[in-house]
Amino acid sequence: MSGPADGFRHILIGYARVSTADQNPDHQIDALLRAGVDRDNIHVDTASGAKASRPKLDFVMQLLREGDTLKVTRLDRLSCSVLHLVILGADPVRLGTRLAGGWPFSAVCPRW
């Protein structure tokens, strides 16, 4: 099986977050599915956005490879802190990945 012309895998990885177990992430999951993210590539945390370390987000950051795109429905799902967004962006820039956030995923930041 041959890969894309540029040699990168180009996987869409989705991340959703709710702050409490009382909240329902289904609308975020549905939006990620409509944006082309495979259900198996959607990862959901139940944790405050103020927490720097979240199990699924940590896992997603390890999954990202050059050519991949991380999709979130809104940037505040990724982090509530601008400083944390900058810190999160350090590895993806090095890896050559992209972030697509906001509805309808119009805020695409090449190489973050």
Protein backbone atom coordinates (compact mmCIF):
# COMPACT_ATOMS: atom_id res chain seq x y z
CA MET A 1 0.00 0.00 0.00
CA SER A 2 1.44 3.36 -0.95
CA GLY A 3 1.06 6.52 1.15
CA PRO A 4 0.22 10.06 0.08
CA ALA A 5 2.43 11.74 -2.50
CA ASP A 6 4.28 13.70 0.18
CA GLY A 7 5.02 10.54 2.19
CA PHE A 8 3.04 11.55 5.29
CA ARG A 9 0.03 9.68 6.63
CA HIS A 10 -2.49 12.59 7.00
CA ILE A 11 -4.69 11.16 9.76
CA LEU A 12 -7.46 13.28 11.27
CA ILE A 13 -7.43 12.95 15.05
CA GLY A 14 -10.31 14.41 17.05
CA TYR A 15 -10.25 15.62 20.63
CA ALA A 16 -13.31 16.50 22.71
CA ARG A 17 -13.58 17.54 26.33
CA VAL A 18 -16.31 18.10 28.88
CA SER A 19 -15.59 19.51 32.32
CA THR A 20 -17.84 17.21 34.36
CA ALA A 21 -19.46 13.81 34.08
CA ASP A 22 -22.85 15.59 34.02
CA GLN A 23 -21.98 17.12 30.66
CA ASN A 24 -22.50 15.27 27.39
CA PRO A 25 -19.78 15.32 24.68
CA ASP A 26 -22.10 13.94 21.96
CA HIS A 27 -22.44 17.27 20.10
CA GLN A 28 -18.64 17.55 19.92
CA ILE A 29 -18.32 13.94 18.75
CA ASP A 30 -21.02 14.46 16.09
CA ALA A 31 -19.26 17.60 14.83
CA LEU A 32 -15.92 15.76 14.62
CA LEU A 33 -17.57 12.91 12.70
CA ARG A 34 -19.15 15.40 10.27
CA ALA A 35 -15.70 16.97 9.83
CA GLY A 36 -14.34 13.64 8.60
CA VAL A 37 -12.71 12.26 11.74
CA ASP A 38 -13.09 8.48 12.03
CA ARG A 39 -14.92 7.43 15.22
CA ASP A 40 -11.88 5.35 16.27
CA ASN A 41 -9.75 8.51 16.12
CA ILE A 42 -11.93 10.60 18.46
CA HIS A 43 -10.69 10.87 22.04
CA VAL A 44 -12.76 12.36 24.88
CA ASP A 45 -11.65 13.63 28.29
CA THR A 46 -13.86 14.49 31.26
CA ALA A 47 -11.70 17.07 32.99
CA SER A 48 -11.33 20.77 33.54
CA GLY A 49 -9.72 22.69 30.69
CA ALA A 50 -7.50 24.33 33.29
CA LYS A 51 -5.71 21.03 33.93
CA ALA A 52 -2.49 20.85 31.95
CA SER A 53 -2.43 17.05 31.96
CA ARG A 54 -5.45 15.07 30.79
CA PRO A 55 -5.18 11.34 29.95
CA LYS A 56 -6.78 11.44 26.49
CA LEU A 57 -5.12 14.70 25.50
CA ASP A 58 -1.75 13.29 26.57
CA PHE A 59 -2.47 10.20 24.45
CA VAL A 60 -3.51 12.31 21.43
CA MET A 61 -0.33 14.35 21.65
CA GLN A 62 1.67 11.11 21.54
CA LEU A 63 -0.31 9.88 18.51
CA LEU A 64 0.35 12.95 16.34
CA ARG A 65 2.80 12.44 13.50
CA GLU A 66 3.93 14.66 10.66
CA GLY A 67 1.09 15.31 8.24
CA ASP A 68 -1.68 14.64 10.81
CA THR A 69 -4.37 17.14 11.77
CA LEU A 70 -5.78 17.51 15.28
CA LYS A 71 -9.42 18.67 15.15
CA VAL A 72 -11.34 20.21 18.00
CA THR A 73 -14.76 21.84 17.86
CA ARG A 74 -13.51 24.92 19.73
CA LEU A 75 -10.07 25.88 20.98
CA ASP A 76 -11.36 26.08 24.56
CA ARG A 77 -11.95 22.32 24.38
CA LEU A 78 -8.19 21.95 23.98
CA SER A 79 -7.26 24.44 26.69
CA CYS A 80 -8.70 27.39 28.61
CA SER A 81 -5.27 28.98 28.86
CA VAL A 82 -3.41 30.76 26.07
CA LEU A 83 -0.13 29.80 27.74
CA HIS A 84 -1.14 26.12 27.74
CA LEU A 85 -2.11 26.37 24.04
CA VAL A 86 1.37 27.73 23.29
CA ILE A 87 2.98 24.92 25.28
CA LEU A 88 0.78 22.34 23.55
CA GLY A 89 1.81 23.80 20.19
CA ALA A 90 5.54 23.22 20.69
CA ASP A 91 5.59 19.52 19.77
CA PRO A 92 3.14 19.72 16.85
CA VAL A 93 5.20 22.50 15.26
CA ARG A 94 8.27 20.30 15.51
CA LEU A 95 6.29 17.35 14.14
CA GLY A 96 4.75 19.27 11.23
CA THR A 97 1.14 18.62 12.27
CA ARG A 98 -1.86 20.95 11.99
CA LEU A 99 -4.61 22.11 14.33
CA ALA A 100 -8.15 22.73 13.10
CA GLY A 101 -10.43 24.28 15.68
CA GLY A 102 -13.67 26.16 15.75
CA TRP A 103 -16.93 25.64 13.95
CA PRO A 104 -17.06 24.94 11.09
CA PHE A 105 -13.39 24.11 11.49
CA SER A 106 -12.46 27.32 9.70
CA ALA A 107 -9.67 28.27 12.08
CA VAL A 108 -7.00 26.04 10.56
CA CYS A 109 -3.53 26.96 11.71
CA PRO A 110 -0.85 25.34 9.51
CA ARG A 111 1.89 24.09 11.76
CA TRP A 112 -0.03 25.72 14.64
